[in-house]
């Protein structure tokens, strides 16, 4: 999460380097982002970890949902 560049507006790329930074040619994916954040949230709940739960909720709150809309339709991914 910390390596995700601000221009992604909270959305995550398909492919990253080992350090978590997105590969230049990687598509940003709304589907992969939803799967990741849902899993992240579930793990925090199962671990009953308040700090982790706060972290995941803060990350989810930063997702710019309106950015993924084009002409009123939700897009599944985009390239930079």
PDB file of N, CA and C in Angstrom:
ATOM      1  N   UNK A   1       0.824  -1.200   0.000  1.00  0.00           N
ATOM      2  CA  UNK A   1       0.000   0.000   0.000  1.00  0.00           C
ATOM      3  C   UNK A   1       0.859   1.252   0.000  1.00  0.00           C
ATOM      4  N   UNK A   2       1.898   1.280   0.816  1.00  0.00           N
ATOM      5  CA  UNK A   2       2.738   2.472   0.916  1.00  0.00           C
ATOM      6  C   UNK A   2       3.500   2.752  -0.369  1.00  0.00           C
ATOM      7  N   UNK A   3       3.726   1.742  -1.197  1.00  0.00           N
ATOM      8  CA  UNK A   3       4.461   1.935  -2.450  1.00  0.00           C
ATOM      9  C   UNK A   3       3.546   2.333  -3.591  1.00  0.00           C
ATOM     10  N   UNK A   4       2.240   2.331  -3.386  1.00  0.00           N
ATOM     11  CA  UNK A   4       1.299   2.681  -4.448  1.00  0.00           C
ATOM     12  C   UNK A   4       1.360   4.185  -4.697  1.00  0.00           C
ATOM     13  N   UNK A   5       1.694   4.596  -5.927  1.00  0.00           N
ATOM     14  CA  UNK A   5       1.862   6.027  -6.181  1.00  0.00           C
ATOM     15  C   UNK A   5       0.540   6.803  -6.063  1.00  0.00           C
ATOM     16  N   UNK A   6       0.624   8.059  -5.642  1.00  0.00           N
ATOM     17  CA  UNK A   6      -0.576   8.880  -5.465  1.00  0.00           C
ATOM     18  C   UNK A   6      -1.424   9.004  -6.728  1.00  0.00           C
ATOM     19  N   UNK A   7      -0.794   8.975  -7.905  1.00  0.00           N
ATOM     20  CA  UNK A   7      -1.580   9.131  -9.139  1.00  0.00           C
ATOM     21  C   UNK A   7      -2.534   7.961  -9.369  1.00  0.00           C
ATOM     22  N   UNK A   8      -2.356   6.850  -8.663  1.00  0.00           N
ATOM     23  CA  UNK A   8      -3.294   5.727  -8.769  1.00  0.00           C
ATOM     24  C   UNK A   8      -4.558   5.965  -7.948  1.00  0.00           C
ATOM     25  N   UNK A   9      -4.530   6.971  -7.098  1.00  0.00           N
ATOM     26  CA  UNK A   9      -5.692   7.382  -6.304  1.00  0.00           C
ATOM     27  C   UNK A   9      -6.295   6.237  -5.495  1.00  0.00           C
ATOM     28  N   UNK A  10      -5.411   5.377  -4.977  1.00  0.00           N
ATOM     29  CA  UNK A  10      -5.847   4.269  -4.130  1.00  0.00           C
ATOM     30  C   UNK A  10      -6.052   2.960  -4.868  1.00  0.00           C
ATOM     31  N   UNK A  11      -6.184   3.030  -6.188  1.00  0.00           N
ATOM     32  CA  UNK A  11      -6.375   1.817  -6.984  1.00  0.00           C
ATOM     33  C   UNK A  11      -5.030   1.124  -7.172  1.00  0.00           C
ATOM     34  N   UNK A  12      -5.037  -0.206  -7.255  1.00  0.00           N
ATOM     35  CA  UNK A  12      -3.803  -0.979  -7.301  1.00  0.00           C
ATOM     36  C   UNK A  12      -3.533  -1.540  -8.701  1.00  0.00           C
ATOM     37  N   UNK A  13      -2.257  -1.656  -9.065  1.00  0.00           N
ATOM     38  CA  UNK A  13      -1.888  -2.205 -10.360  1.00  0.00           C
ATOM     39  C   UNK A  13      -1.867  -3.739 -10.345  1.00  0.00           C
ATOM     40  N   UNK A  14      -1.960  -4.322 -11.538  1.00  0.00           N
ATOM     41  CA  UNK A  14      -1.852  -5.785 -11.663  1.00  0.00           C
ATOM     42  C   UNK A  14      -0.468  -6.273 -11.248  1.00  0.00           C
ATOM     43  N   UNK A  15       0.572  -5.625 -11.749  1.00  0.00           N
ATOM     44  CA  UNK A  15       1.933  -6.135 -11.576  1.00  0.00           C
ATOM     45  C   UNK A  15       2.815  -5.104 -10.876  1.00  0.00           C
ATOM     46  N   UNK A  16       3.624  -5.602  -9.927  1.00  0.00           N
ATOM     47  CA  UNK A  16       4.532  -4.737  -9.188  1.00  0.00           C
ATOM     48  C   UNK A  16       5.924  -5.371  -9.141  1.00  0.00           C
ATOM     49  N   UNK A  17       6.910  -4.545  -8.803  1.00  0.00           N
ATOM     50  CA  UNK A  17       8.246  -5.055  -8.521  1.00  0.00           C
ATOM     51  C   UNK A  17       8.230  -5.643  -7.113  1.00  0.00           C
ATOM     52  N   UNK A  18       9.306  -6.330  -6.730  1.00  0.00           N
ATOM     53  CA  UNK A  18       9.392  -6.966  -5.412  1.00  0.00           C
ATOM     54  C   UNK A  18       9.218  -5.958  -4.274  1.00  0.00           C
ATOM     55  N   UNK A  19       9.609  -4.704  -4.502  1.00  0.00           N
ATOM     56  CA  UNK A  19       9.474  -3.689  -3.455  1.00  0.00           C
ATOM     57  C   UNK A  19       8.069  -3.093  -3.396  1.00  0.00           C
ATOM     58  N   UNK A  20       7.173  -3.564  -4.273  1.00  0.00           N
ATOM     59  CA  UNK A  20       5.789  -3.102  -4.261  1.00  0.00           C
ATOM     60  C   UNK A  20       5.486  -1.979  -5.222  1.00  0.00           C
ATOM     61  N   UNK A  21       6.510  -1.381  -5.822  1.00  0.00           N
ATOM     62  CA  UNK A  21       6.258  -0.296  -6.772  1.00  0.00           C
ATOM     63  C   UNK A  21       5.689  -0.872  -8.074  1.00  0.00           C
ATOM     64  N   UNK A  22       4.719  -0.198  -8.672  1.00  0.00           N
ATOM     65  CA  UNK A  22       4.102  -0.729  -9.886  1.00  0.00           C
ATOM     66  C   UNK A  22       5.060  -0.745 -11.073  1.00  0.00           C
ATOM     67  N   UNK A  23       4.947  -1.773 -11.883  1.00  0.00           N
ATOM     68  CA  UNK A  23       5.716  -1.812 -13.123  1.00  0.00           C
ATOM     69  C   UNK A  23       5.123  -0.776 -14.064  1.00  0.00           C
ATOM     70  N   UNK A  24       5.989  -0.119 -14.818  1.00  0.00           N
ATOM     71  CA  UNK A  24       5.580   1.014 -15.651  1.00  0.00           C
ATOM     72  C   UNK A  24       4.479   0.651 -16.639  1.00  0.00           C
ATOM     73  N   UNK A  25       4.471  -0.554 -17.133  1.00  0.00           N
ATOM     74  CA  UNK A  25       3.521  -0.974 -18.159  1.00  0.00           C
ATOM     75  C   UNK A  25       2.272  -1.631 -17.574  1.00  0.00           C
ATOM     76  N   UNK A  26       2.181  -1.716 -16.252  1.00  0.00           N
ATOM     77  CA  UNK A  26       1.087  -2.446 -15.620  1.00  0.00           C
ATOM     78  C   UNK A  26      -0.204  -1.656 -15.611  1.00  0.00           C
ATOM     79  N   UNK A  27      -1.280  -2.341 -15.898  1.00  0.00           N
ATOM     80  CA  UNK A  27      -2.608  -1.747 -15.845  1.00  0.00           C
ATOM     81  C   UNK A  27      -3.032  -1.579 -14.386  1.00  0.00           C
ATOM     82  N   UNK A  28      -3.713  -0.499 -14.091  1.00  0.00           N
ATOM     83  CA  UNK A  28      -4.338  -0.308 -12.786  1.00  0.00           C
ATOM     84  C   UNK A  28      -5.690  -1.016 -12.854  1.00  0.00           C
ATOM     85  N   UNK A  29      -5.986  -1.820 -11.863  1.00  0.00           N
ATOM     86  CA  UNK A  29      -7.154  -2.691 -11.927  1.00  0.00           C
ATOM     87  C   UNK A  29      -8.122  -2.451 -10.779  1.00  0.00           C
ATOM     88  N   UNK A  30      -9.352  -2.108 -11.124  1.00  0.00           N
ATOM     89  CA  UNK A  30     -10.378  -1.948 -10.097  1.00  0.00           C
ATOM     90  C   UNK A  30     -10.750  -3.305  -9.503  1.00  0.00           C
ATOM     91  N   UNK A  31     -10.741  -4.355 -10.311  1.00  0.00           N
ATOM     92  CA  UNK A  31     -11.093  -5.695  -9.830  1.00  0.00           C
ATOM     93  C   UNK A  31     -10.023  -6.209  -8.860  1.00  0.00           C
ATOM     94  N   UNK A  32      -8.752  -6.129  -9.264  1.00  0.00           N
ATOM     95  CA  UNK A  32      -7.673  -6.554  -8.368  1.00  0.00           C
ATOM     96  C   UNK A  32      -7.686  -5.738  -7.077  1.00  0.00           C
ATOM     97  N   UNK A  33      -7.968  -4.461  -7.199  1.00  0.00           N
ATOM     98  CA  UNK A  33      -8.024  -3.606  -6.008  1.00  0.00           C
ATOM     99  C   UNK A  33      -9.125  -4.064  -5.063  1.00  0.00           C
ATOM    100  N   UNK A  34     -10.290  -4.366  -5.602  1.00  0.00           N
ATOM    101  CA  UNK A  34     -11.409  -4.816  -4.764  1.00  0.00           C
ATOM    102  C   UNK A  34     -11.076  -6.131  -4.065  1.00  0.00           C
ATOM    103  N   UNK A  35     -10.462  -7.050  -4.787  1.00  0.00           N
ATOM    104  CA  UNK A  35     -10.076  -8.334  -4.197  1.00  0.00           C
ATOM    105  C   UNK A  35      -9.045  -8.108  -3.092  1.00  0.00           C
ATOM    106  N   UNK A  36      -8.043  -7.284  -3.361  1.00  0.00           N
ATOM    107  CA  UNK A  36      -7.000  -7.023  -2.367  1.00  0.00           C
ATOM    108  C   UNK A  36      -7.578  -6.382  -1.114  1.00  0.00           C
ATOM    109  N   UNK A  37      -8.329  -5.292  -1.286  1.00  0.00           N
ATOM    110  CA  UNK A  37      -8.840  -4.572  -0.120  1.00  0.00           C
ATOM    111  C   UNK A  37      -9.839  -5.414   0.678  1.00  0.00           C
ATOM    112  N   UNK A  38     -10.640  -6.219   0.005  1.00  0.00           N
ATOM    113  CA  UNK A  38     -11.573  -7.108   0.711  1.00  0.00           C
ATOM    114  C   UNK A  38     -10.813  -8.138   1.541  1.00  0.00           C
ATOM    115  N   UNK A  39      -9.763  -8.689   0.964  1.00  0.00           N
ATOM    116  CA  UNK A  39      -8.942  -9.678   1.672  1.00  0.00           C
ATOM    117  C   UNK A  39      -8.191  -9.037   2.835  1.00  0.00           C
ATOM    118  N   UNK A  40      -7.690  -7.841   2.601  1.00  0.00           N
ATOM    119  CA  UNK A  40      -6.972  -7.071   3.617  1.00  0.00           C
ATOM    120  C   UNK A  40      -7.900  -6.816   4.816  1.00  0.00           C
ATOM    121  N   UNK A  41      -9.126  -6.399   4.529  1.00  0.00           N
ATOM    122  CA  UNK A  41     -10.111  -6.129   5.576  1.00  0.00           C
ATOM    123  C   UNK A  41     -10.455  -7.410   6.347  1.00  0.00           C
ATOM    124  N   UNK A  42     -10.684  -8.501   5.604  1.00  0.00           N
ATOM    125  CA  UNK A  42     -11.045  -9.769   6.244  1.00  0.00           C
ATOM    126  C   UNK A  42      -9.916 -10.274   7.145  1.00  0.00           C
ATOM    127  N   UNK A  43      -8.674 -10.160   6.678  1.00  0.00           N
ATOM    128  CA  UNK A  43      -7.530 -10.588   7.495  1.00  0.00           C
ATOM    129  C   UNK A  43      -7.466  -9.792   8.790  1.00  0.00           C
ATOM    130  N   UNK A  44      -7.670  -8.496   8.707  1.00  0.00           N
ATOM    131  CA  UNK A  44      -7.634  -7.657   9.911  1.00  0.00           C
ATOM    132  C   UNK A  44      -8.741  -8.063  10.882  1.00  0.00           C
ATOM    133  N   UNK A  45      -9.918  -8.392  10.340  1.00  0.00           N
ATOM    134  CA  UNK A  45     -11.021  -8.824  11.197  1.00  0.00           C
ATOM    135  C   UNK A  45     -10.719 -10.169  11.860  1.00  0.00           C
ATOM    136  N   UNK A  46     -10.202 -11.121  11.071  1.00  0.00           N
ATOM    137  CA  UNK A  46      -9.896 -12.448  11.612  1.00  0.00           C
ATOM    138  C   UNK A  46      -8.791 -12.399  12.665  1.00  0.00           C
ATOM    139  N   UNK A  47      -7.833 -11.515  12.447  1.00  0.00           N
ATOM    140  CA  UNK A  47      -6.744 -11.363  13.413  1.00  0.00           C
ATOM    141  C   UNK A  47      -7.168 -10.554  14.634  1.00  0.00           C
ATOM    142  N   UNK A  48      -8.332  -9.897  14.523  1.00  0.00           N
ATOM    143  CA  UNK A  48      -8.845  -9.043  15.596  1.00  0.00           C
ATOM    144  C   UNK A  48      -7.789  -8.033  16.038  1.00  0.00           C
ATOM    145  N   UNK A  49      -7.214  -7.383  15.019  1.00  0.00           N
ATOM    146  CA  UNK A  49      -6.117  -6.437  15.229  1.00  0.00           C
ATOM    147  C   UNK A  49      -6.627  -5.022  14.960  1.00  0.00           C
ATOM    148  N   UNK A  50      -6.826  -4.259  16.012  1.00  0.00           N
ATOM    149  CA  UNK A  50      -7.388  -2.909  15.874  1.00  0.00           C
ATOM    150  C   UNK A  50      -6.513  -1.998  15.030  1.00  0.00           C
ATOM    151  N   UNK A  51      -5.186  -2.085  15.217  1.00  0.00           N
ATOM    152  CA  UNK A  51      -4.281  -1.233  14.448  1.00  0.00           C
ATOM    153  C   UNK A  51      -4.377  -1.560  12.963  1.00  0.00           C
ATOM    154  N   UNK A  52      -4.401  -2.856  12.633  1.00  0.00           N
ATOM    155  CA  UNK A  52      -4.502  -3.274  11.244  1.00  0.00           C
ATOM    156  C   UNK A  52      -5.859  -2.899  10.656  1.00  0.00           C
ATOM    157  N   UNK A  53      -6.907  -3.036  11.440  1.00  0.00           N
ATOM    158  CA  UNK A  53      -8.235  -2.652  10.973  1.00  0.00           C
ATOM    159  C   UNK A  53      -8.296  -1.158  10.668  1.00  0.00           C
ATOM    160  N   UNK A  54      -7.694  -0.351  11.519  1.00  0.00           N
ATOM    161  CA  UNK A  54      -7.656   1.094  11.277  1.00  0.00           C
ATOM    162  C   UNK A  54      -6.854   1.408  10.018  1.00  0.00           C
ATOM    163  N   UNK A  55      -5.747   0.692   9.821  1.00  0.00           N
ATOM    164  CA  UNK A  55      -4.911   0.892   8.638  1.00  0.00           C
ATOM    165  C   UNK A  55      -5.670   0.567   7.352  1.00  0.00           C
ATOM    166  N   UNK A  56      -6.366  -0.556   7.344  1.00  0.00           N
ATOM    167  CA  UNK A  56      -7.087  -0.950   6.133  1.00  0.00           C
ATOM    168  C   UNK A  56      -8.247   0.008   5.853  1.00  0.00           C
ATOM    169  N   UNK A  57      -8.945   0.418   6.872  1.00  0.00           N
ATOM    170  CA  UNK A  57     -10.059   1.350   6.661  1.00  0.00           C
ATOM    171  C   UNK A  57      -9.556   2.705   6.154  1.00  0.00           C
ATOM    172  N   UNK A  58      -8.401   3.139   6.641  1.00  0.00           N
ATOM    173  CA  UNK A  58      -7.810   4.389   6.152  1.00  0.00           C
ATOM    174  C   UNK A  58      -7.410   4.248   4.680  1.00  0.00           C
ATOM    175  N   UNK A  59      -6.861   3.090   4.314  1.00  0.00           N
ATOM    176  CA  UNK A  59      -6.471   2.859   2.917  1.00  0.00           C
ATOM    177  C   UNK A  59      -7.698   2.830   2.014  1.00  0.00           C
ATOM    178  N   UNK A  60      -8.746   2.177   2.442  1.00  0.00           N
ATOM    179  CA  UNK A  60      -9.980   2.107   1.649  1.00  0.00           C
ATOM    180  C   UNK A  60     -10.599   3.492   1.495  1.00  0.00           C
ATOM    181  N   UNK A  61     -10.541   4.291   2.553  1.00  0.00           N
ATOM    182  CA  UNK A  61     -11.115   5.643   2.504  1.00  0.00           C
ATOM    183  C   UNK A  61     -10.402   6.533   1.490  1.00  0.00           C
ATOM    184  N   UNK A  62      -9.137   6.210   1.172  1.00  0.00           N
ATOM    185  CA  UNK A  62      -8.365   7.020   0.220  1.00  0.00           C
ATOM    186  C   UNK A  62      -8.666   6.679  -1.240  1.00  0.00           C
ATOM    187  N   UNK A  63      -9.413   5.612  -1.488  1.00  0.00           N
ATOM    188  CA  UNK A  63      -9.701   5.221  -2.870  1.00  0.00           C
ATOM    189  C   UNK A  63     -10.653   6.243  -3.490  1.00  0.00           C
ATOM    190  N   UNK A  64     -10.253   6.796  -4.613  1.00  0.00           N
ATOM    191  CA  UNK A  64     -11.069   7.779  -5.329  1.00  0.00           C
ATOM    192  C   UNK A  64     -12.015   7.029  -6.274  1.00  0.00           C
ATOM    193  N   UNK A  65     -13.196   6.712  -5.781  1.00  0.00           N
ATOM    194  CA  UNK A  65     -14.158   5.941  -6.569  1.00  0.00           C
ATOM    195  C   UNK A  65     -14.625   6.689  -7.808  1.00  0.00           C
ATOM    196  N   UNK A  66     -14.775   7.981  -7.699  1.00  0.00           N
ATOM    197  CA  UNK A  66     -15.236   8.778  -8.842  1.00  0.00           C
ATOM    198  C   UNK A  66     -14.225   8.775  -9.989  1.00  0.00           C
ATOM    199  N   UNK A  67     -12.955   8.576  -9.651  1.00  0.00           N
ATOM    200  CA  UNK A  67     -11.922   8.546 -10.683  1.00  0.00           C
ATOM    201  C   UNK A  67     -12.103   7.355 -11.624  1.00  0.00           C
ATOM    202  N   UNK A  68     -12.735   6.299 -11.121  1.00  0.00           N
ATOM    203  CA  UNK A  68     -12.949   5.092 -11.921  1.00  0.00           C
ATOM    204  C   UNK A  68     -14.228   5.163 -12.753  1.00  0.00           C
ATOM    205  N   UNK A  69     -14.856   6.319 -12.789  1.00  0.00           N
ATOM    206  CA  UNK A  69     -16.049   6.494 -13.621  1.00  0.00           C
ATOM    207  C   UNK A  69     -15.695   7.264 -14.884  1.00  0.00           C
ATOM    208  N   UNK A  70     -16.204   6.795 -15.998  1.00  0.00           N
ATOM    209  CA  UNK A  70     -16.052   7.514 -17.257  1.00  0.00           C
ATOM    210  C   UNK A  70     -17.425   7.602 -17.905  1.00  0.00           C
ATOM    211  N   UNK A  71     -17.894   8.805 -18.091  1.00  0.00           N
ATOM    212  CA  UNK A  71     -19.212   9.033 -18.670  1.00  0.00           C
ATOM    213  C   UNK A  71     -20.300   8.267 -17.921  1.00  0.00           C
ATOM    214  N   UNK A  72     -20.170   8.192 -16.599  1.00  0.00           N
ATOM    215  CA  UNK A  72     -21.171   7.538 -15.777  1.00  0.00           C
ATOM    216  C   UNK A  72     -21.020   6.030 -15.657  1.00  0.00           C
ATOM    217  N   UNK A  73     -20.014   5.462 -16.336  1.00  0.00           N
ATOM    218  CA  UNK A  73     -19.801   4.012 -16.278  1.00  0.00           C
ATOM    219  C   UNK A  73     -18.527   3.715 -15.499  1.00  0.00           C
ATOM    220  N   UNK A  74     -18.596   2.661 -14.700  1.00  0.00           N
ATOM    221  CA  UNK A  74     -17.447   2.228 -13.907  1.00  0.00           C
ATOM    222  C   UNK A  74     -16.506   1.449 -14.814  1.00  0.00           C
ATOM    223  N   UNK A  75     -15.242   1.865 -14.884  1.00  0.00           N
ATOM    224  CA  UNK A  75     -14.269   1.166 -15.727  1.00  0.00           C
ATOM    225  C   UNK A  75     -13.526   0.117 -14.900  1.00  0.00           C
ATOM    226  N   UNK A  76     -13.019  -0.909 -15.542  1.00  0.00           N
ATOM    227  CA  UNK A  76     -12.375  -2.012 -14.843  1.00  0.00           C
ATOM    228  C   UNK A  76     -10.874  -1.822 -14.677  1.00  0.00           C
ATOM    229  N   UNK A  77     -10.253  -0.994 -15.481  1.00  0.00           N
ATOM    230  CA  UNK A  77      -8.825  -0.767 -15.369  1.00  0.00           C
ATOM    231  C   UNK A  77      -8.369   0.251 -16.386  1.00  0.00           C
ATOM    232  N   UNK A  78      -7.159   0.747 -16.200  1.00  0.00           N
ATOM    233  CA  UNK A  78      -6.603   1.735 -17.131  1.00  0.00           C
ATOM    234  C   UNK A  78      -5.082   1.694 -17.073  1.00  0.00           C
ATOM    235  N   UNK A  79      -4.466   2.217 -18.114  1.00  0.00           N
ATOM    236  CA  UNK A  79      -2.999   2.317 -18.195  1.00  0.00           C
ATOM    237  C   UNK A  79      -2.606   3.757 -17.996  1.00  0.00           C
ATOM    238  N   UNK A  80      -1.367   3.960 -17.515  1.00  0.00           N
ATOM    239  CA  UNK A  80      -0.855   5.321 -17.380  1.00  0.00           C
ATOM    240  C   UNK A  80      -0.115   5.697 -18.621  1.00  0.00           C
TER     241      UNK A  80
END
